[in-house]
């Protein structure tokens, strides 16, 4: 059996060392990277620890010393999974049920920082800014009332944007599993089946083929719901001749890519065929435009201008890409205001979304920026054509 891709232990150590250098260069006395159960990426990136129910955090000093911060229930779990042995239990990272934990002792940020050799920080950088809750911010402020607390998301974006060979291998495997799940869904779908039944088929395939879980909540919904950029499967039943949106992928050692296909559960109308065909055309064109050295905002503007010139602007919401890694959607976004340059081994989801009044569509695959020429599709690209399933 082929070995499952994973991130080597040394790579975790190297990440912390690079983060320490960036922390020092930013004039910070310490970096705190926070995460939640649903967005575990910053903590798992450095420690391999994946919070469950509780929050998690990693603190890194400019000298390269690290600490893992967890809630009060997870010590045994953390010690069995974290590659960072310096572990502290803080009440700021407890679960949202807000237990009092009578008789249990909680550490403080001062204790954590002291273990790193940081005693009187003047500037504290916080990454995972939108994962940082009021309890965490209040805890930092209580321990260090005179310190400046600043957004340090840019440090993690710099670290995570360009992928290592091991990271790319995990993404490819997650996409391979996603295409297996897609195939199973296409074989099973029929009018009268519920959206959640179809999701169940996808999840079964993901686990049986080596995924640690879904890359994200499986998209399997139809009809007018396909006009939603974000939605969930429900007990709604699929209907004949409607557009159905499928997005599915497997998570592999923390990496979470996705494959997306719009299908027609019957025969397409002229309007459906026109919009799905245009979406596929724009999706494939994106790979040619995503080239190393180009300013991301220029690519986004070119995409948007092409849509408008084709007379399809009324169906456009956003595009063409967003960052891909430990989250299926992570920084950096590719938007008309983006100023960064594309670099080799950056990975994105090529995410092509358009919608009319009563149906929408999303074509989606993994994308790797190459040293020269057009970007590479990270997955095989199965069923990358107009799909009609008439049962």
Protein backbone atom coordinates (compact mmCIF):
# COMPACT_ATOMS: atom_id res chain seq x y z
CA UNK A 1 0.00 0.00 0.00
CA UNK A 2 1.29 3.44 -0.91
CA UNK A 3 2.36 5.53 2.09
CA UNK A 4 -0.06 8.30 2.98
CA UNK A 5 1.47 11.78 2.51
CA UNK A 6 2.26 13.65 5.71
CA UNK A 7 4.30 16.58 6.98
CA UNK A 8 7.71 15.48 8.40
CA UNK A 9 8.43 16.39 12.02
CA UNK A 10 11.46 18.46 11.02
CA UNK A 11 9.24 20.67 8.89
CA UNK A 12 7.27 21.71 11.97
CA UNK A 13 10.51 22.73 13.69
CA UNK A 14 11.61 24.68 10.61
CA UNK A 15 8.30 26.55 10.56
CA UNK A 16 8.77 27.76 14.13
CA UNK A 17 12.33 28.87 13.36
CA UNK A 18 11.16 30.89 10.35
CA UNK A 19 8.30 32.37 12.38
CA UNK A 20 10.77 33.46 15.06
CA UNK A 21 12.86 35.34 12.49
CA UNK A 22 9.79 37.10 11.10
CA UNK A 23 8.67 37.94 14.64
CA UNK A 24 12.02 39.56 15.36
CA UNK A 25 12.03 41.40 12.03
CA UNK A 26 8.59 42.82 12.81
CA UNK A 27 9.84 44.27 16.10
CA UNK A 28 7.64 41.97 18.18
CA UNK A 29 8.62 40.57 21.56
CA UNK A 30 6.40 37.51 21.11
CA UNK A 31 3.97 36.02 18.58
CA UNK A 32 0.68 34.40 19.63
CA UNK A 33 -1.08 32.35 16.95
CA UNK A 34 -4.64 31.39 17.88
CA UNK A 35 -7.03 28.81 16.47
CA UNK A 36 -10.40 27.18 17.00
CA UNK A 37 -11.84 23.72 16.44
CA UNK A 38 -13.19 24.79 13.02
CA UNK A 39 -10.11 26.81 12.00
CA UNK A 40 -7.30 24.86 13.62
CA UNK A 41 -4.75 25.89 11.00
CA UNK A 42 -2.38 28.20 12.88
CA UNK A 43 -1.96 25.86 15.83
CA UNK A 44 -1.78 22.68 13.79
CA UNK A 45 0.73 24.32 11.46
CA UNK A 46 3.27 24.64 14.25
CA UNK A 47 2.42 21.76 16.58
CA UNK A 48 0.36 19.08 14.79
CA UNK A 49 -2.15 19.54 17.63
CA UNK A 50 -5.77 19.83 16.47
CA UNK A 51 -8.08 21.46 19.06
CA UNK A 52 -11.36 19.71 19.78
CA UNK A 53 -14.25 21.61 21.44
CA UNK A 54 -11.69 24.02 22.94
CA UNK A 55 -9.48 26.70 21.40
CA UNK A 56 -5.72 26.47 20.95
CA UNK A 57 -2.76 28.78 20.66
CA UNK A 58 0.98 28.72 20.00
CA UNK A 59 3.39 31.32 21.40
CA UNK A 60 6.76 31.87 19.71
CA UNK A 61 9.61 34.08 20.90
CA UNK A 62 12.14 35.80 18.63
CA UNK A 63 14.72 33.31 19.92
CA UNK A 64 12.64 30.43 18.52
CA UNK A 65 11.27 28.97 21.74
CA UNK A 66 7.67 27.72 21.52
CA UNK A 67 4.72 26.92 23.79
CA UNK A 68 1.33 25.34 23.14
CA UNK A 69 -1.71 26.84 24.89
CA UNK A 70 -4.80 24.67 25.39
CA UNK A 71 -7.99 24.54 27.44
CA UNK A 72 -8.22 22.75 30.75
CA UNK A 73 -9.64 19.44 29.46
CA UNK A 74 -7.10 18.62 26.75
CA UNK A 75 -3.80 17.98 28.54
CA UNK A 76 -3.58 14.23 27.89
CA UNK A 77 -4.80 14.64 24.33
CA UNK A 78 -2.32 17.43 23.66
CA UNK A 79 0.64 15.57 25.17
CA UNK A 80 -0.18 12.60 22.96
CA UNK A 81 -0.34 14.59 19.73
CA UNK A 82 1.62 17.86 19.99
CA UNK A 83 5.18 18.14 18.73
CA UNK A 84 5.59 21.09 21.14
CA UNK A 85 6.28 19.62 24.61
CA UNK A 86 5.98 22.98 26.44
CA UNK A 87 2.21 22.88 27.12
CA UNK A 88 0.12 25.25 29.25
CA UNK A 89 -3.57 25.04 30.15
CA UNK A 90 -5.28 28.46 30.11
CA UNK A 91 -8.89 29.28 30.93
CA UNK A 92 -8.90 31.67 27.94
CA UNK A 93 -8.85 28.57 25.69
CA UNK A 94 -11.72 26.69 27.36
CA UNK A 95 -14.75 25.55 25.43
CA UNK A 96 -17.68 27.89 24.82
CA UNK A 97 -19.87 26.10 27.39
CA UNK A 98 -17.75 28.18 29.81
CA UNK A 99 -17.18 25.64 32.60
CA UNK A 100 -15.85 27.04 35.89
CA UNK A 101 -13.52 24.07 36.55
CA UNK A 102 -13.55 24.41 40.36
CA UNK A 103 -10.35 23.16 41.94
CA UNK A 104 -8.38 23.21 38.68
CA UNK A 105 -5.45 25.56 38.22
CA UNK A 106 -5.15 27.71 35.11
CA UNK A 107 -1.91 29.16 33.81
CA UNK A 108 -1.68 32.75 32.53
CA UNK A 109 -0.11 34.36 29.50
CA UNK A 110 2.59 35.62 31.86
CA UNK A 111 3.44 32.00 32.75
CA UNK A 112 3.53 31.03 29.09
CA UNK A 113 5.75 33.92 28.04
CA UNK A 114 8.09 33.39 31.00
CA UNK A 115 8.66 29.82 29.78
CA UNK A 116 9.91 31.38 26.54
CA UNK A 117 12.20 33.85 28.30
CA UNK A 118 9.84 36.78 27.62
CA UNK A 119 9.00 38.71 30.79
CA UNK A 120 7.99 42.27 29.91
CA UNK A 121 6.79 42.36 26.30
CA UNK A 122 6.18 45.77 24.80
CA UNK A 123 4.74 44.56 21.47
CA UNK A 124 2.67 41.36 21.23
CA UNK A 125 1.74 40.11 17.77
CA UNK A 126 -1.48 38.14 17.43
CA UNK A 127 -2.07 35.90 14.41
CA UNK A 128 -5.44 34.30 13.84
CA UNK A 129 -6.87 37.74 14.57
CA UNK A 130 -10.42 36.65 13.74
CA UNK A 131 -10.01 33.49 15.85
CA UNK A 132 -8.96 35.55 18.87
CA UNK A 133 -11.88 36.08 21.23
CA UNK A 134 -12.46 38.66 23.94
CA UNK A 135 -11.30 36.28 26.67
CA UNK A 136 -7.92 35.85 24.96
CA UNK A 137 -7.51 39.56 24.32
CA UNK A 138 -8.58 40.33 27.87
CA UNK A 139 -6.13 37.81 29.27
CA UNK A 140 -3.25 39.37 27.38
CA UNK A 141 -4.30 42.85 28.47
CA UNK A 142 -4.64 41.78 32.13
CA UNK A 143 -1.12 40.33 32.20
CA UNK A 144 0.51 43.08 30.15
CA UNK A 145 -1.56 46.28 30.47
CA UNK A 146 1.11 48.48 28.93
CA UNK A 147 1.91 46.24 25.96
CA UNK A 148 0.84 47.06 22.41
CA UNK A 149 -1.21 44.21 20.90
CA UNK A 150 -1.03 44.20 17.11
CA UNK A 151 -2.41 42.13 14.24
CA UNK A 152 0.33 39.75 13.04
CA UNK A 153 -1.66 37.74 10.50
CA UNK A 154 0.84 38.79 7.83
CA UNK A 155 3.52 36.62 9.47
CA UNK A 156 1.43 33.47 9.10
CA UNK A 157 0.36 34.46 5.59
CA UNK A 158 4.02 34.82 4.59
CA UNK A 159 4.87 31.44 6.08
CA UNK A 160 1.91 29.53 4.70
CA UNK A 161 1.51 31.00 1.19
CA UNK A 162 4.39 29.13 -0.48
CA UNK A 163 4.09 25.38 -0.02
CA UNK A 164 6.74 22.73 0.56
CA UNK A 165 6.80 19.49 -1.48
CA UNK A 166 5.20 17.66 1.46
CA UNK A 167 2.37 20.19 1.64
CA UNK A 168 1.72 19.91 -2.10
CA UNK A 169 1.67 16.12 -1.80
CA UNK A 170 -0.99 16.33 0.94
CA UNK A 171 -3.11 18.63 -1.22
CA UNK A 172 -2.83 16.32 -4.22
CA UNK A 173 -3.93 13.37 -2.10
CA UNK A 174 -6.89 15.29 -0.68
CA UNK A 175 -7.96 16.14 -4.22
CA UNK A 176 -7.54 12.53 -5.36
CA UNK A 177 -9.88 11.46 -2.56
CA UNK A 178 -12.24 14.28 -3.52
CA UNK A 179 -12.46 13.03 -7.09
CA UNK A 180 -13.23 9.51 -5.83
CA UNK A 181 -16.04 10.96 -3.71
CA UNK A 182 -17.27 12.98 -6.70
CA UNK A 183 -17.45 9.82 -8.79
CA UNK A 184 -19.42 8.01 -6.09
CA UNK A 185 -21.85 10.92 -5.83
CA UNK A 186 -22.39 11.06 -9.59
CA UNK A 187 -23.08 7.32 -9.68
CA UNK A 188 -25.64 7.58 -6.89
CA UNK A 189 -27.54 10.85 -7.39
CA UNK A 190 -31.13 10.69 -8.62
CA UNK A 191 -34.33 12.68 -8.27
CA UNK A 192 -36.01 12.10 -4.91
CA UNK A 193 -32.72 11.54 -3.04
CA UNK A 194 -32.10 14.05 -0.27
CA UNK A 195 -29.13 16.38 -0.28
CA UNK A 196 -27.93 14.86 2.99
CA UNK A 197 -28.12 11.32 1.61
CA UNK A 198 -25.75 12.37 -1.14
CA UNK A 199 -23.43 14.00 1.39
CA UNK A 200 -23.35 10.71 3.30
CA UNK A 201 -22.12 8.86 0.22
CA UNK A 202 -19.32 11.41 -0.11
CA UNK A 203 -18.27 11.14 3.53
CA UNK A 204 -18.22 7.32 3.37
CA UNK A 205 -15.91 7.47 0.34
CA UNK A 206 -13.60 10.00 1.99
CA UNK A 207 -13.06 7.91 5.13
CA UNK A 208 -12.71 4.62 3.24
CA UNK A 209 -9.98 6.10 1.04
CA UNK A 210 -7.74 7.62 3.70
CA UNK A 211 -9.13 11.08 4.42
CA UNK A 212 -9.02 12.10 8.07
CA UNK A 213 -12.34 13.91 7.50
CA UNK A 214 -14.02 16.13 4.93
CA UNK A 215 -11.93 19.07 3.74
CA UNK A 216 -15.03 21.19 4.46
CA UNK A 217 -18.75 20.56 4.84
CA UNK A 218 -19.75 18.68 1.71
CA UNK A 219 -21.67 20.76 -0.82
CA UNK A 220 -24.56 18.75 -2.27
CA UNK A 221 -27.56 20.97 -2.87
CA UNK A 222 -29.77 21.83 -5.80
CA UNK A 223 -32.22 24.22 -7.40
CA UNK A 224 -32.26 27.85 -6.31
CA UNK A 225 -29.88 27.00 -3.45
CA UNK A 226 -27.11 26.84 -6.06
CA UNK A 227 -27.32 30.65 -6.28
CA UNK A 228 -25.86 30.72 -2.76
CA UNK A 229 -22.12 31.25 -2.65
CA UNK A 230 -22.21 29.39 0.68
CA UNK A 231 -24.86 26.86 1.67
CA UNK A 232 -25.48 23.50 3.36
CA UNK A 233 -27.17 20.26 2.42
CA UNK A 234 -30.55 19.64 4.05
CA UNK A 235 -33.36 17.07 3.89
CA UNK A 236 -34.57 18.73 0.70
CA UNK A 237 -35.04 16.25 -2.17
CA UNK A 238 -33.41 16.70 -5.56
CA UNK A 239 -35.77 17.44 -8.42
CA UNK A 240 -35.68 16.47 -12.08
CA UNK A 241 -33.86 18.88 -14.44
CA UNK A 242 -32.43 21.10 -11.70
CA UNK A 243 -28.81 22.19 -11.35
CA UNK A 244 -27.00 20.49 -8.45
CA UNK A 245 -23.77 21.78 -6.97
CA UNK A 246 -21.17 19.34 -5.65
CA UNK A 247 -18.00 20.37 -3.81
CA UNK A 248 -16.01 17.72 -1.97
CA UNK A 249 -12.49 16.90 -0.82
CA UNK A 250 -10.58 14.88 1.74
CA UNK A 251 -8.47 16.40 4.52
CA UNK A 252 -4.97 14.87 4.58
CA UNK A 253 -2.65 15.61 7.52
CA UNK A 254 -4.42 18.92 7.98
CA UNK A 255 -4.56 19.98 4.31
CA UNK A 256 -8.02 20.62 2.89
CA UNK A 257 -8.56 20.98 -0.89
CA UNK A 258 -11.81 20.66 -2.82
CA UNK A 259 -13.23 19.61 -6.18
CA UNK A 260 -16.35 21.40 -7.42
CA UNK A 261 -18.71 20.48 -10.26
CA UNK A 262 -22.16 21.77 -11.26
CA UNK A 263 -24.37 19.08 -12.80
CA UNK A 264 -27.84 18.93 -14.29
CA UNK A 265 -30.12 16.20 -13.02
CA UNK A 266 -31.73 15.82 -16.41
CA UNK A 267 -31.37 17.94 -19.56
CA UNK A 268 -30.05 21.50 -19.43
CA UNK A 269 -32.04 24.45 -20.68
CA UNK A 270 -30.34 26.80 -23.12
CA UNK A 271 -29.78 29.31 -20.29
CA UNK A 272 -28.24 26.70 -18.04
CA UNK A 273 -25.96 25.39 -20.78
CA UNK A 274 -24.84 28.90 -21.71
CA UNK A 275 -23.87 29.89 -18.17
CA UNK A 276 -22.27 26.57 -17.21
CA UNK A 277 -20.26 26.61 -20.45
CA UNK A 278 -19.07 30.16 -19.84
CA UNK A 279 -18.12 29.28 -16.27
CA UNK A 280 -16.04 26.34 -17.46
CA UNK A 281 -14.35 28.54 -20.08
CA UNK A 282 -13.40 31.10 -17.40
CA UNK A 283 -12.23 28.36 -15.07
CA UNK A 284 -9.81 26.90 -17.58
CA UNK A 285 -8.62 30.35 -18.62
CA UNK A 286 -7.68 31.10 -15.02
CA UNK A 287 -4.82 28.57 -15.15
CA UNK A 288 -3.26 30.41 -18.07
CA UNK A 289 -3.46 33.77 -16.31
CA UNK A 290 -2.02 32.61 -12.94
CA UNK A 291 1.70 32.99 -13.64
CA UNK A 292 4.63 33.57 -11.33
CA UNK A 293 5.72 37.21 -11.06
CA UNK A 294 2.35 38.74 -11.88
CA UNK A 295 0.60 41.03 -9.41
CA UNK A 296 -2.42 39.18 -8.05
CA UNK A 297 -4.69 42.20 -8.40
CA UNK A 298 -3.83 42.50 -12.10
CA UNK A 299 -4.95 38.90 -12.65
CA UNK A 300 -8.22 39.54 -10.80
CA UNK A 301 -8.90 42.70 -12.82
CA UNK A 302 -8.17 40.87 -16.06
CA UNK A 303 -10.63 38.14 -15.08
CA UNK A 304 -13.32 40.65 -14.15
CA UNK A 305 -12.82 42.66 -17.34
CA UNK A 306 -13.07 39.51 -19.46
CA UNK A 307 -16.38 38.62 -17.79
CA UNK A 308 -17.78 42.09 -18.45
CA UNK A 309 -16.56 42.16 -22.06
CA UNK A 310 -18.34 38.85 -22.65
CA UNK A 311 -21.58 40.45 -21.49
CA UNK A 312 -21.78 38.18 -18.44
CA UNK A 313 -21.19 40.75 -15.70
CA UNK A 314 -24.72 40.42 -14.28
CA UNK A 315 -23.96 36.81 -13.28
CA UNK A 316 -20.62 37.58 -11.60
CA UNK A 317 -20.12 37.63 -7.83
CA UNK A 318 -16.39 37.04 -7.26
CA UNK A 319 -13.36 35.23 -8.62
CA UNK A 320 -11.11 33.80 -9.70
CA UNK A 321 -9.07 32.28 -6.83
CA UNK A 322 -8.45 32.12 -3.11
CA UNK A 323 -5.58 30.69 -1.11
CA UNK A 324 -5.51 26.94 -0.42
CA UNK A 325 -3.73 24.99 2.28
CA UNK A 326 -4.79 23.86 5.73
CA UNK A 327 -8.09 25.58 5.01
CA UNK A 328 -9.97 25.21 1.76
CA UNK A 329 -10.27 29.00 1.89
CA UNK A 330 -7.27 30.73 3.41
CA UNK A 331 -5.16 33.80 2.85
CA UNK A 332 -4.23 35.22 0.46
CA UNK A 333 -7.39 36.01 -1.46
CA UNK A 334 -6.92 37.02 -5.08
CA UNK A 335 -8.90 40.25 -5.47
CA UNK A 336 -8.74 43.40 -7.57
CA UNK A 337 -7.16 45.20 -4.58
CA UNK A 338 -4.45 42.54 -4.03
CA UNK A 339 -0.88 43.87 -4.28
CA UNK A 340 1.25 40.74 -3.73
CA UNK A 341 2.99 38.91 -6.57
CA UNK A 342 2.33 35.31 -7.46
CA UNK A 343 5.28 33.06 -6.61
CA UNK A 344 6.20 29.47 -7.52
CA UNK A 345 4.60 26.85 -5.24
CA UNK A 346 1.80 29.11 -4.09
CA UNK A 347 -1.42 27.09 -4.09
CA UNK A 348 -4.96 28.29 -4.71
CA UNK A 349 -8.44 26.99 -5.32
CA UNK A 350 -9.46 28.12 -8.79
CA UNK A 351 -13.00 28.99 -7.73
CA UNK A 352 -15.30 29.98 -10.60
CA UNK A 353 -18.75 31.04 -9.41
CA UNK A 354 -21.61 32.55 -11.43
CA UNK A 355 -25.34 32.67 -10.76
CA UNK A 356 -28.57 33.57 -12.52
CA UNK A 357 -31.83 34.26 -10.67
CA UNK A 358 -32.84 30.61 -10.21
CA UNK A 359 -29.59 28.62 -10.52
CA UNK A 360 -25.87 29.03 -10.03
CA UNK A 361 -22.68 27.12 -10.59
CA UNK A 362 -19.17 26.61 -9.23
CA UNK A 363 -16.28 24.97 -11.07
CA UNK A 364 -13.43 24.36 -8.62
CA UNK A 365 -10.05 22.61 -8.62
CA UNK A 366 -6.66 22.96 -6.97
CA UNK A 367 -4.08 25.23 -8.61
CA UNK A 368 -0.28 25.32 -8.26
CA UNK A 369 1.73 28.32 -9.46
CA UNK A 370 4.71 26.99 -11.42
CA UNK A 371 8.18 28.54 -11.91
CA UNK A 372 7.44 29.17 -15.59
CA UNK A 373 4.31 29.23 -17.72
CA UNK A 374 0.70 28.57 -16.83
CA UNK A 375 -0.41 27.19 -13.49
CA UNK A 376 -0.86 23.46 -12.96
CA UNK A 377 -4.09 21.81 -11.92
CA UNK A 378 -3.28 19.85 -8.75
CA UNK A 379 -5.86 17.15 -9.42
CA UNK A 380 -6.65 14.96 -12.41
CA UNK A 381 -9.60 17.11 -13.46
CA UNK A 382 -12.12 14.30 -13.82
CA UNK A 383 -15.59 15.18 -15.13
CA UNK A 384 -14.40 18.60 -16.24
CA UNK A 385 -17.15 18.99 -18.80
CA UNK A 386 -20.88 19.65 -18.90
CA UNK A 387 -22.55 16.89 -16.90
CA UNK A 388 -26.13 15.77 -17.50
CA UNK A 389 -27.44 12.84 -15.47
CA UNK A 390 -30.84 11.80 -16.77
CA UNK A 391 -32.30 9.08 -14.55
